[in-house]
C-alpha atoms as a PDB file:
ATOM      1  CA  UNK A   1     -56.990   6.619  34.019  1.00  0.00           C
ATOM      2  CA  UNK A   2     -55.075   4.431  36.471  1.00  0.00           C
ATOM      3  CA  UNK A   3     -51.507   3.266  35.948  1.00  0.00           C
ATOM      4  CA  UNK A   4     -52.724  -0.312  35.488  1.00  0.00           C
ATOM      5  CA  UNK A   5     -55.049   0.766  32.706  1.00  0.00           C
ATOM      6  CA  UNK A   6     -52.550   2.745  30.686  1.00  0.00           C
ATOM      7  CA  UNK A   7     -49.394   0.801  31.574  1.00  0.00           C
ATOM      8  CA  UNK A   8     -47.167   3.852  32.074  1.00  0.00           C
ATOM      9  CA  UNK A   9     -43.828   3.100  33.694  1.00  0.00           C
ATOM     10  CA  UNK A  10     -42.884   6.673  34.499  1.00  0.00           C
ATOM     11  CA  UNK A  11     -44.227  10.189  34.856  1.00  0.00           C
ATOM     12  CA  UNK A  12     -41.702  13.044  34.720  1.00  0.00           C
ATOM     13  CA  UNK A  13     -42.875  16.185  36.525  1.00  0.00           C
ATOM     14  CA  UNK A  14     -41.124  19.521  35.885  1.00  0.00           C
ATOM     15  CA  UNK A  15     -42.155  22.751  37.613  1.00  0.00           C
ATOM     16  CA  UNK A  16     -40.908  25.738  35.609  1.00  0.00           C
ATOM     17  CA  UNK A  17     -40.618  29.440  36.351  1.00  0.00           C
ATOM     18  CA  UNK A  18     -38.897  31.733  33.846  1.00  0.00           C
ATOM     19  CA  UNK A  19     -36.027  29.492  32.739  1.00  0.00           C
ATOM     20  CA  UNK A  20     -37.133  28.898  29.146  1.00  0.00           C
ATOM     21  CA  UNK A  21     -33.717  28.155  27.640  1.00  0.00           C
ATOM     22  CA  UNK A  22     -32.770  25.727  30.386  1.00  0.00           C
ATOM     23  CA  UNK A  23     -36.183  24.060  30.166  1.00  0.00           C
ATOM     24  CA  UNK A  24     -35.656  23.557  26.426  1.00  0.00           C
ATOM     25  CA  UNK A  25     -32.297  21.897  27.098  1.00  0.00           C
ATOM     26  CA  UNK A  26     -33.857  19.728  29.807  1.00  0.00           C
ATOM     27  CA  UNK A  27     -36.699  18.529  27.570  1.00  0.00           C
ATOM     28  CA  UNK A  28     -34.288  17.792  24.733  1.00  0.00           C
ATOM     29  CA  UNK A  29     -32.253  15.595  27.085  1.00  0.00           C
ATOM     30  CA  UNK A  30     -35.370  13.688  28.154  1.00  0.00           C
ATOM     31  CA  UNK A  31     -36.564  12.992  24.629  1.00  0.00           C
ATOM     32  CA  UNK A  32     -34.125  10.157  23.958  1.00  0.00           C
ATOM     33  CA  UNK A  33     -34.250   8.680  27.440  1.00  0.00           C
ATOM     34  CA  UNK A  34     -37.404   6.614  27.466  1.00  0.00           C
ATOM     35  CA  UNK A  35     -36.274   3.817  25.148  1.00  0.00           C
ATOM     36  CA  UNK A  36     -38.385   0.814  26.099  1.00  0.00           C
ATOM     37  CA  UNK A  37     -40.161   2.700  28.863  1.00  0.00           C
ATOM     38  CA  UNK A  38     -43.728   3.891  28.539  1.00  0.00           C
ATOM     39  CA  UNK A  39     -43.813   7.350  30.000  1.00  0.00           C
ATOM     40  CA  UNK A  40     -45.137  10.868  30.033  1.00  0.00           C
ATOM     41  CA  UNK A  41     -43.668  14.298  30.688  1.00  0.00           C
ATOM     42  CA  UNK A  42     -45.706  16.988  32.426  1.00  0.00           C
ATOM     43  CA  UNK A  43     -44.495  20.589  32.669  1.00  0.00           C
ATOM     44  CA  UNK A  44     -46.259  22.723  35.261  1.00  0.00           C
ATOM     45  CA  UNK A  45     -45.505  26.350  34.420  1.00  0.00           C
ATOM     46  CA  UNK A  46     -45.914  28.857  37.246  1.00  0.00           C
ATOM     47  CA  UNK A  47     -46.955  31.957  35.294  1.00  0.00           C
ATOM     48  CA  UNK A  48     -43.638  32.424  33.478  1.00  0.00           C
ATOM     49  CA  UNK A  49     -43.242  35.686  31.592  1.00  0.00           C
ATOM     50  CA  UNK A  50     -40.327  34.586  29.381  1.00  0.00           C
ATOM     51  CA  UNK A  51     -42.267  32.643  26.731  1.00  0.00           C
ATOM     52  CA  UNK A  52     -41.769  29.240  28.355  1.00  0.00           C
ATOM     53  CA  UNK A  53     -45.351  28.138  27.763  1.00  0.00           C
ATOM     54  CA  UNK A  54     -45.311  29.010  24.066  1.00  0.00           C
ATOM     55  CA  UNK A  55     -41.949  27.292  23.630  1.00  0.00           C
ATOM     56  CA  UNK A  56     -43.227  24.044  25.152  1.00  0.00           C
ATOM     57  CA  UNK A  57     -46.366  24.082  22.988  1.00  0.00           C
ATOM     58  CA  UNK A  58     -44.480  24.793  19.776  1.00  0.00           C
ATOM     59  CA  UNK A  59     -41.334  22.697  20.186  1.00  0.00           C
ATOM     60  CA  UNK A  60     -42.455  19.808  22.410  1.00  0.00           C
ATOM     61  CA  UNK A  61     -45.986  18.774  21.439  1.00  0.00           C
ATOM     62  CA  UNK A  62     -45.457  15.416  23.204  1.00  0.00           C
ATOM     63  CA  UNK A  63     -45.161  17.232  26.554  1.00  0.00           C
ATOM     64  CA  UNK A  64     -48.302  17.877  28.556  1.00  0.00           C
ATOM     65  CA  UNK A  65     -48.330  21.510  29.676  1.00  0.00           C
ATOM     66  CA  UNK A  66     -50.248  22.647  32.739  1.00  0.00           C
ATOM     67  CA  UNK A  67     -50.205  26.453  32.609  1.00  0.00           C
ATOM     68  CA  UNK A  68     -50.880  28.309  35.836  1.00  0.00           C
ATOM     69  CA  UNK A  69     -51.692  32.006  36.090  1.00  0.00           C
ATOM     70  CA  UNK A  70     -49.841  32.263  39.423  1.00  0.00           C
ATOM     71  CA  UNK A  71     -46.499  31.221  40.862  1.00  0.00           C
ATOM     72  CA  UNK A  72     -47.537  28.040  42.607  1.00  0.00           C
ATOM     73  CA  UNK A  73     -44.346  27.329  44.495  1.00  0.00           C
ATOM     74  CA  UNK A  74     -42.366  24.128  44.100  1.00  0.00           C
ATOM     75  CA  UNK A  75     -44.342  21.692  46.305  1.00  0.00           C
ATOM     76  CA  UNK A  76     -47.764  22.811  45.099  1.00  0.00           C
ATOM     77  CA  UNK A  77     -46.658  22.773  41.466  1.00  0.00           C
ATOM     78  CA  UNK A  78     -45.240  19.274  41.789  1.00  0.00           C
ATOM     79  CA  UNK A  79     -48.370  18.043  43.557  1.00  0.00           C
ATOM     80  CA  UNK A  80     -50.483  19.399  40.718  1.00  0.00           C
ATOM     81  CA  UNK A  81     -48.342  17.511  38.203  1.00  0.00           C
ATOM     82  CA  UNK A  82     -48.277  14.308  40.262  1.00  0.00           C
ATOM     83  CA  UNK A  83     -52.055  14.357  40.662  1.00  0.00           C
ATOM     84  CA  UNK A  84     -52.459  14.740  36.885  1.00  0.00           C
ATOM     85  CA  UNK A  85     -50.007  11.902  36.135  1.00  0.00           C
ATOM     86  CA  UNK A  86     -50.424   8.144  36.118  1.00  0.00           C
ATOM     87  CA  UNK A  87     -47.015   6.415  35.907  1.00  0.00           C
ATOM     88  CA  UNK A  88     -45.967   3.665  38.321  1.00  0.00           C
ATOM     89  CA  UNK A  89     -42.982   5.821  39.233  1.00  0.00           C
ATOM     90  CA  UNK A  90     -42.756   9.609  39.489  1.00  0.00           C
ATOM     91  CA  UNK A  91     -39.616  11.604  38.652  1.00  0.00           C
ATOM     92  CA  UNK A  92     -39.425  15.044  40.243  1.00  0.00           C
ATOM     93  CA  UNK A  93     -37.083  17.047  38.007  1.00  0.00           C
ATOM     94  CA  UNK A  94     -35.874  20.638  38.012  1.00  0.00           C
ATOM     95  CA  UNK A  95     -36.018  22.486  34.676  1.00  0.00           C
ATOM     96  CA  UNK A  96     -32.345  23.477  35.026  1.00  0.00           C
ATOM     97  CA  UNK A  97     -31.133  19.896  34.574  1.00  0.00           C
ATOM     98  CA  UNK A  98     -29.821  17.728  31.747  1.00  0.00           C
ATOM     99  CA  UNK A  99     -30.189  13.951  31.895  1.00  0.00           C
ATOM    100  CA  UNK A 100     -27.110  11.983  30.821  1.00  0.00           C
ATOM    101  CA  UNK A 101     -26.726   8.497  29.346  1.00  0.00           C
ATOM    102  CA  UNK A 102     -29.568   6.134  30.380  1.00  0.00           C
ATOM    103  CA  UNK A 103     -30.556   7.861  33.596  1.00  0.00           C
ATOM    104  CA  UNK A 104     -34.305   7.191  33.351  1.00  0.00           C
ATOM    105  CA  UNK A 105     -34.165   3.433  32.634  1.00  0.00           C
ATOM    106  CA  UNK A 106     -31.386   2.979  35.209  1.00  0.00           C
ATOM    107  CA  UNK A 107     -33.486   4.597  37.951  1.00  0.00           C
ATOM    108  CA  UNK A 108     -36.692   2.796  36.958  1.00  0.00           C
ATOM    109  CA  UNK A 109     -34.922  -0.578  36.833  1.00  0.00           C
ATOM    110  CA  UNK A 110     -33.400   0.064  40.246  1.00  0.00           C
ATOM    111  CA  UNK A 111     -36.760   0.772  41.841  1.00  0.00           C
ATOM    112  CA  UNK A 112     -38.335  -2.218  40.112  1.00  0.00           C
ATOM    113  CA  UNK A 113     -35.640  -4.482  41.568  1.00  0.00           C
ATOM    114  CA  UNK A 114     -35.549  -2.946  45.073  1.00  0.00           C
ATOM    115  CA  UNK A 115     -39.067  -2.781  46.470  1.00  0.00           C
ATOM    116  CA  UNK A 116     -37.734  -1.659  49.862  1.00  0.00           C
ATOM    117  CA  UNK A 117     -36.494   1.636  48.349  1.00  0.00           C
ATOM    118  CA  UNK A 118     -38.823   4.612  48.633  1.00  0.00           C
ATOM    119  CA  UNK A 119     -36.720   7.302  46.925  1.00  0.00           C
ATOM    120  CA  UNK A 120     -33.739   7.123  44.601  1.00  0.00           C
ATOM    121  CA  UNK A 121     -31.576  10.081  43.604  1.00  0.00           C
ATOM    122  CA  UNK A 122     -28.905  10.214  40.884  1.00  0.00           C
ATOM    123  CA  UNK A 123     -25.439  11.688  41.048  1.00  0.00           C
ATOM    124  CA  UNK A 124     -25.724  15.396  40.279  1.00  0.00           C
ATOM    125  CA  UNK A 125     -22.942  17.068  38.331  1.00  0.00           C
ATOM    126  CA  UNK A 126     -21.998  20.701  37.920  1.00  0.00           C
ATOM    127  CA  UNK A 127     -21.814  22.005  34.330  1.00  0.00           C
ATOM    128  CA  UNK A 128     -18.015  21.534  34.437  1.00  0.00           C
ATOM    129  CA  UNK A 129     -18.435  17.824  35.201  1.00  0.00           C
ATOM    130  CA  UNK A 130     -17.491  17.976  38.882  1.00  0.00           C
ATOM    131  CA  UNK A 131     -19.697  16.196  41.408  1.00  0.00           C
ATOM    132  CA  UNK A 132     -22.353  18.363  43.045  1.00  0.00           C
ATOM    133  CA  UNK A 133     -23.379  17.679  46.618  1.00  0.00           C
ATOM    134  CA  UNK A 134     -26.827  16.076  46.473  1.00  0.00           C
ATOM    135  CA  UNK A 135     -27.136  13.637  49.397  1.00  0.00           C
ATOM    136  CA  UNK A 136     -27.616  14.421  53.038  1.00  0.00           C
ATOM    137  CA  UNK A 137     -28.164  13.094  56.524  1.00  0.00           C
ATOM    138  CA  UNK A 138     -31.020  14.557  58.535  1.00  0.00           C
ATOM    139  CA  UNK A 139     -30.103  17.910  60.103  1.00  0.00           C
ATOM    140  CA  UNK A 140     -29.748  18.288  63.838  1.00  0.00           C
ATOM    141  CA  UNK A 141     -30.508  21.571  65.581  1.00  0.00           C
ATOM    142  CA  UNK A 142     -26.771  22.289  65.620  1.00  0.00           C
ATOM    143  CA  UNK A 143     -26.685  21.718  61.856  1.00  0.00           C
ATOM    144  CA  UNK A 144     -29.622  24.067  61.415  1.00  0.00           C
ATOM    145  CA  UNK A 145     -27.885  26.816  63.389  1.00  0.00           C
ATOM    146  CA  UNK A 146     -24.870  26.899  61.107  1.00  0.00           C
ATOM    147  CA  UNK A 147     -25.682  25.307  57.728  1.00  0.00           C
ATOM    148  CA  UNK A 148     -26.129  27.933  54.985  1.00  0.00           C
ATOM    149  CA  UNK A 149     -25.488  30.852  57.360  1.00  0.00           C
ATOM    150  CA  UNK A 150     -22.567  33.293  57.469  1.00  0.00           C
ATOM    151  CA  UNK A 151     -21.126  31.277  60.359  1.00  0.00           C
ATOM    152  CA  UNK A 152     -20.828  28.056  58.355  1.00  0.00           C
ATOM    153  CA  UNK A 153     -17.072  28.523  57.652  1.00  0.00           C
ATOM    154  CA  UNK A 154     -16.396  28.698  61.406  1.00  0.00           C
ATOM    155  CA  UNK A 155     -17.942  25.380  62.498  1.00  0.00           C
ATOM    156  CA  UNK A 156     -15.915  22.172  62.930  1.00  0.00           C
ATOM    157  CA  UNK A 157     -15.518  20.230  59.691  1.00  0.00           C
ATOM    158  CA  UNK A 158     -16.935  17.108  61.321  1.00  0.00           C
ATOM    159  CA  UNK A 159     -20.361  18.716  61.842  1.00  0.00           C
ATOM    160  CA  UNK A 160     -21.095  19.553  58.214  1.00  0.00           C
ATOM    161  CA  UNK A 161     -19.070  16.723  56.658  1.00  0.00           C
ATOM    162  CA  UNK A 162     -21.473  14.293  58.288  1.00  0.00           C
ATOM    163  CA  UNK A 163     -24.493  16.323  57.176  1.00  0.00           C
ATOM    164  CA  UNK A 164     -23.214  16.479  53.570  1.00  0.00           C
ATOM    165  CA  UNK A 165     -22.205  12.778  53.650  1.00  0.00           C
ATOM    166  CA  UNK A 166     -18.587  13.604  52.804  1.00  0.00           C
ATOM    167  CA  UNK A 167     -17.450  10.428  54.573  1.00  0.00           C
ATOM    168  CA  UNK A 168     -18.785   8.236  51.747  1.00  0.00           C
ATOM    169  CA  UNK A 169     -17.361   7.985  48.195  1.00  0.00           C
ATOM    170  CA  UNK A 170     -19.139   9.949  45.458  1.00  0.00           C
ATOM    171  CA  UNK A 171     -18.948   7.044  43.017  1.00  0.00           C
ATOM    172  CA  UNK A 172     -20.550   4.356  45.221  1.00  0.00           C
ATOM    173  CA  UNK A 173     -24.222   3.564  45.737  1.00  0.00           C
ATOM    174  CA  UNK A 174     -25.243   4.045  49.340  1.00  0.00           C
ATOM    175  CA  UNK A 175     -28.170   4.602  51.673  1.00  0.00           C
ATOM    176  CA  UNK A 176     -28.649   8.198  52.844  1.00  0.00           C
ATOM    177  CA  UNK A 177     -31.308  10.088  54.795  1.00  0.00           C
ATOM    178  CA  UNK A 178     -32.414  12.316  51.925  1.00  0.00           C
ATOM    179  CA  UNK A 179     -31.515  13.485  48.439  1.00  0.00           C
ATOM    180  CA  UNK A 180     -31.966  16.957  46.997  1.00  0.00           C
ATOM    181  CA  UNK A 181     -35.063  17.595  44.924  1.00  0.00           C
ATOM    182  CA  UNK A 182     -33.380  18.610  41.670  1.00  0.00           C
ATOM    183  CA  UNK A 183     -33.927  15.003  40.581  1.00  0.00           C
ATOM    184  CA  UNK A 184     -35.552  12.290  42.640  1.00  0.00           C
ATOM    185  CA  UNK A 185     -37.665   9.284  41.664  1.00  0.00           C
ATOM    186  CA  UNK A 186     -40.418   7.886  43.889  1.00  0.00           C
ATOM    187  CA  UNK A 187     -42.739   4.919  43.304  1.00  0.00           C
ATOM    188  CA  UNK A 188     -46.347   6.063  43.227  1.00  0.00           C
ATOM    189  CA  UNK A 189     -47.284   3.477  45.859  1.00  0.00           C
ATOM    190  CA  UNK A 190     -44.939   5.273  48.270  1.00  0.00           C
ATOM    191  CA  UNK A 191     -46.621   8.614  47.621  1.00  0.00           C
ATOM    192  CA  UNK A 192     -50.000   6.957  48.083  1.00  0.00           C
ATOM    193  CA  UNK A 193     -48.799   5.809  51.513  1.00  0.00           C
ATOM    194  CA  UNK A 194     -46.927   8.865  52.891  1.00  0.00           C
ATOM    195  CA  UNK A 195     -48.680  11.632  50.962  1.00  0.00           C
ATOM    196  CA  UNK A 196     -47.457  14.259  48.513  1.00  0.00           C
ATOM    197  CA  UNK A 197     -45.262  17.287  49.178  1.00  0.00           C
ATOM    198  CA  UNK A 198     -46.254  19.505  52.095  1.00  0.00           C
ATOM    199  CA  UNK A 199     -47.604  22.630  50.366  1.00  0.00           C
ATOM    200  CA  UNK A 200     -46.911  24.835  53.387  1.00  0.00           C
ATOM    201  CA  UNK A 201     -43.350  24.939  52.067  1.00  0.00           C
ATOM    202  CA  UNK A 202     -43.093  27.310  49.107  1.00  0.00           C
ATOM    203  CA  UNK A 203     -39.581  26.346  48.061  1.00  0.00           C
ATOM    204  CA  UNK A 204     -36.732  24.508  49.832  1.00  0.00           C
ATOM    205  CA  UNK A 205     -36.856  21.671  52.397  1.00  0.00           C
ATOM    206  CA  UNK A 206     -39.924  20.072  50.829  1.00  0.00           C
ATOM    207  CA  UNK A 207     -37.846  17.111  49.621  1.00  0.00           C
ATOM    208  CA  UNK A 208     -36.219  16.793  53.055  1.00  0.00           C
ATOM    209  CA  UNK A 209     -39.674  16.666  54.626  1.00  0.00           C
ATOM    210  CA  UNK A 210     -40.890  14.063  52.117  1.00  0.00           C
ATOM    211  CA  UNK A 211     -37.800  11.858  52.532  1.00  0.00           C
ATOM    212  CA  UNK A 212     -38.166  11.981  56.304  1.00  0.00           C
ATOM    213  CA  UNK A 213     -41.744  10.747  56.041  1.00  0.00           C
ATOM    214  CA  UNK A 214     -40.609   7.979  53.679  1.00  0.00           C
ATOM    215  CA  UNK A 215     -37.867   6.920  56.111  1.00  0.00           C
ATOM    216  CA  UNK A 216     -40.205   6.969  59.107  1.00  0.00           C
ATOM    217  CA  UNK A 217     -42.590   4.741  57.152  1.00  0.00           C
ATOM    218  CA  UNK A 218     -39.779   2.184  56.757  1.00  0.00           C
ATOM    219  CA  UNK A 219     -38.440   2.640  53.222  1.00  0.00           C
ATOM    220  CA  UNK A 220     -34.848   3.316  52.182  1.00  0.00           C
ATOM    221  CA  UNK A 221     -33.469   6.424  50.460  1.00  0.00           C
ATOM    222  CA  UNK A 222     -30.709   5.587  47.978  1.00  0.00           C
ATOM    223  CA  UNK A 223     -28.051   7.638  46.200  1.00  0.00           C
ATOM    224  CA  UNK A 224     -27.381   5.986  42.821  1.00  0.00           C
ATOM    225  CA  UNK A 225     -24.322   7.379  40.978  1.00  0.00           C
ATOM    226  CA  UNK A 226     -24.876   5.054  38.026  1.00  0.00           C
ATOM    227  CA  UNK A 227     -27.537   7.592  37.020  1.00  0.00           C
ATOM    228  CA  UNK A 228     -26.150  11.060  36.288  1.00  0.00           C
ATOM    229  CA  UNK A 229     -27.761  14.468  35.841  1.00  0.00           C
ATOM    230  CA  UNK A 230     -26.173  17.873  35.182  1.00  0.00           C
ATOM    231  CA  UNK A 231     -27.708  20.551  37.412  1.00  0.00           C
ATOM    232  CA  UNK A 232     -27.420  24.317  36.912  1.00  0.00           C
ATOM    233  CA  UNK A 233     -27.990  25.352  40.524  1.00  0.00           C
ATOM    234  CA  UNK A 234     -30.643  27.866  41.544  1.00  0.00           C
ATOM    235  CA  UNK A 235     -31.474  29.453  38.199  1.00  0.00           C
ATOM    236  CA  UNK A 236     -35.071  30.144  39.163  1.00  0.00           C
ATOM    237  CA  UNK A 237     -34.519  31.272  42.748  1.00  0.00           C
ATOM    238  CA  UNK A 238     -31.624  33.602  41.874  1.00  0.00           C
ATOM    239  CA  UNK A 239     -34.141  35.846  40.076  1.00  0.00           C
ATOM    240  CA  UNK A 240     -35.616  36.917  43.435  1.00  0.00           C
ATOM    241  CA  UNK A 241     -32.841  37.246  46.003  1.00  0.00           C
ATOM    242  CA  UNK A 242     -34.876  38.550  48.963  1.00  0.00           C
ATOM    243  CA  UNK A 243     -37.598  35.968  48.405  1.00  0.00           C
ATOM    244  CA  UNK A 244     -34.914  33.277  48.264  1.00  0.00           C
ATOM    245  CA  UNK A 245     -33.622  34.271  51.715  1.00  0.00           C
ATOM    246  CA  UNK A 246     -37.118  34.343  53.202  1.00  0.00           C
ATOM    247  CA  UNK A 247     -38.269  31.102  51.573  1.00  0.00           C
ATOM    248  CA  UNK A 248     -35.109  29.216  52.510  1.00  0.00           C
ATOM    249  CA  UNK A 249     -35.148  30.215  56.161  1.00  0.00           C
ATOM    250  CA  UNK A 250     -38.917  29.833  56.600  1.00  0.00           C
ATOM    251  CA  UNK A 251     -38.683  26.368  55.090  1.00  0.00           C
ATOM    252  CA  UNK A 252     -35.892  25.428  57.474  1.00  0.00           C
ATOM    253  CA  UNK A 253     -37.951  26.678  60.400  1.00  0.00           C
ATOM    254  CA  UNK A 254     -41.077  24.818  59.277  1.00  0.00           C
ATOM    255  CA  UNK A 255     -39.089  21.589  59.068  1.00  0.00           C
ATOM    256  CA  UNK A 256     -37.701  22.005  62.594  1.00  0.00           C
ATOM    257  CA  UNK A 257     -41.088  23.013  64.017  1.00  0.00           C
ATOM    258  CA  UNK A 258     -42.729  20.018  62.362  1.00  0.00           C
ATOM    259  CA  UNK A 259     -40.128  17.391  63.214  1.00  0.00           C
ATOM    260  CA  UNK A 260     -38.262  18.751  66.265  1.00  0.00           C
ATOM    261  CA  UNK A 261     -40.847  20.845  68.086  1.00  0.00           C
ATOM    262  CA  UNK A 262     -41.636  24.433  69.028  1.00  0.00           C
ATOM    263  CA  UNK A 263     -38.592  25.019  71.256  1.00  0.00           C
ATOM    264  CA  UNK A 264     -36.077  23.966  68.603  1.00  0.00           C
ATOM    265  CA  UNK A 265     -37.776  26.042  65.916  1.00  0.00           C
ATOM    266  CA  UNK A 266     -38.080  29.080  68.193  1.00  0.00           C
ATOM    267  CA  UNK A 267     -34.408  28.925  69.161  1.00  0.00           C
ATOM    268  CA  UNK A 268     -33.398  28.610  65.524  1.00  0.00           C
ATOM    269  CA  UNK A 269     -35.651  31.490  64.460  1.00  0.00           C
ATOM    270  CA  UNK A 270     -34.137  33.900  66.988  1.00  0.00           C
ATOM    271  CA  UNK A 271     -30.640  32.834  65.982  1.00  0.00           C
ATOM    272  CA  UNK A 272     -31.352  33.416  62.286  1.00  0.00           C
ATOM    273  CA  UNK A 273     -32.936  36.815  62.866  1.00  0.00           C
ATOM    274  CA  UNK A 274     -29.897  37.828  64.931  1.00  0.00           C
ATOM    275  CA  UNK A 275     -27.697  36.720  62.022  1.00  0.00           C
ATOM    276  CA  UNK A 276     -29.520  39.030  59.627  1.00  0.00           C
ATOM    277  CA  UNK A 277     -29.416  41.929  62.087  1.00  0.00           C
ATOM    278  CA  UNK A 278     -25.665  41.468  62.431  1.00  0.00           C
ATOM    279  CA  UNK A 279     -25.258  41.416  58.661  1.00  0.00           C
ATOM    280  CA  UNK A 280     -27.183  44.700  58.361  1.00  0.00           C
ATOM    281  CA  UNK A 281     -24.821  46.287  60.868  1.00  0.00           C
ATOM    282  CA  UNK A 282     -21.790  44.874  59.074  1.00  0.00           C
ATOM    283  CA  UNK A 283     -22.947  46.022  55.637  1.00  0.00           C
ATOM    284  CA  UNK A 284     -23.760  49.466  57.043  1.00  0.00           C
ATOM    285  CA  UNK A 285     -20.267  49.802  58.490  1.00  0.00           C
ATOM    286  CA  UNK A 286     -18.688  48.830  55.174  1.00  0.00           C
ATOM    287  CA  UNK A 287     -20.889  51.357  53.380  1.00  0.00           C
ATOM    288  CA  UNK A 288     -19.856  54.143  55.749  1.00  0.00           C
ATOM    289  CA  UNK A 289     -16.243  53.339  54.917  1.00  0.00           C
ATOM    290  CA  UNK A 290     -17.069  53.870  51.237  1.00  0.00           C
ATOM    291  CA  UNK A 291     -16.699  50.258  50.127  1.00  0.00           C
ATOM    292  CA  UNK A 292     -19.095  49.367  47.257  1.00  0.00           C
ATOM    293  CA  UNK A 293     -21.891  51.507  48.652  1.00  0.00           C
ATOM    294  CA  UNK A 294     -24.479  50.526  46.023  1.00  0.00           C
ATOM    295  CA  UNK A 295     -23.956  46.843  46.845  1.00  0.00           C
ATOM    296  CA  UNK A 296     -24.161  47.558  50.579  1.00  0.00           C
ATOM    297  CA  UNK A 297     -27.464  49.433  50.138  1.00  0.00           C
ATOM    298  CA  UNK A 298     -28.872  46.560  48.095  1.00  0.00           C
ATOM    299  CA  UNK A 299     -27.898  43.980  50.710  1.00  0.00           C
ATOM    300  CA  UNK A 300     -29.166  46.053  53.625  1.00  0.00           C
ATOM    301  CA  UNK A 301     -32.521  46.449  51.869  1.00  0.00           C
ATOM    302  CA  UNK A 302     -32.713  42.703  51.232  1.00  0.00           C
ATOM    303  CA  UNK A 303     -31.752  41.718  54.778  1.00  0.00           C
ATOM    304  CA  UNK A 304     -34.143  44.292  56.255  1.00  0.00           C
ATOM    305  CA  UNK A 305     -36.992  42.748  54.283  1.00  0.00           C
ATOM    306  CA  UNK A 306     -36.056  39.377  55.763  1.00  0.00           C
ATOM    307  CA  UNK A 307     -36.162  40.836  59.282  1.00  0.00           C
ATOM    308  CA  UNK A 308     -39.544  42.466  58.572  1.00  0.00           C
ATOM    309  CA  UNK A 309     -40.929  39.092  57.487  1.00  0.00           C
ATOM    310  CA  UNK A 310     -40.218  37.752  60.968  1.00  0.00           C
ATOM    311  CA  UNK A 311     -39.324  34.388  59.380  1.00  0.00           C
ATOM    312  CA  UNK A 312     -42.469  32.812  60.765  1.00  0.00           C
ATOM    313  CA  UNK A 313     -42.924  29.420  59.107  1.00  0.00           C
ATOM    314  CA  UNK A 314     -46.203  28.851  57.309  1.00  0.00           C
ATOM    315  CA  UNK A 315     -48.701  26.620  59.028  1.00  0.00           C
ATOM    316  CA  UNK A 316     -47.615  27.433  62.602  1.00  0.00           C
END
């Protein structure tokens, strides 16, 4: 059924993996948000083993559950939900979030009144109420070399402050290059034009890639602090530490290969692998000195698995 036939204003897509309690809290926060909006909520569960699927069926019969027998990854899971949905706007939402106040109507109204906007993201808050970094400028190769590596504390403040948009107030609406995917709303007509998430990413950087395509196509990306969402960071990915390292770095490399070329991605890949090799040496030295040997063994094993993966981005 098309959006014109059923008149849905909004489709909320949530991809879940083993965060049942947080998913319950998220769905409870959504329940009172629709108000005058016509909407639907779709949970795509990636083979959770914690009872998430049963909980959704029993406690939230108004939610449409798509149960997968495999871990789909974030882009593929979202694409499955988007394809099954029919709202005029699509909200991509992490299960470890809580919507505050009138976040959904505020974001829908904003998109309805600003047809030149392709993506809108709310202000994300930490559980203690502090503002969580959620808006970015596009990364340069220099950003990629240092952001989220062990060398990040050593780089000039100006490099990462620009990347993290620290030069703009947290409480003011502004145009940015991209917003993090914990919560982002996109008109369906935009997705029809630029395409869905790139499924060669498994997790991380997929929202960066999508926002870049939206920007290149001529639409704005807007950070809207009038809408607020609490985000418990990384509760799914922290369950698989080695996979998190591999997925994060492979995603970064795929983005640079796709948008900056083979040379940039190759340089970055060698730099990252050297970083992990150095960390193995450092952890080994600490272990030989008798400092937290169990922790050192665990980290060395994790970093060695990253090196063995080669960090070759999917699709190239």
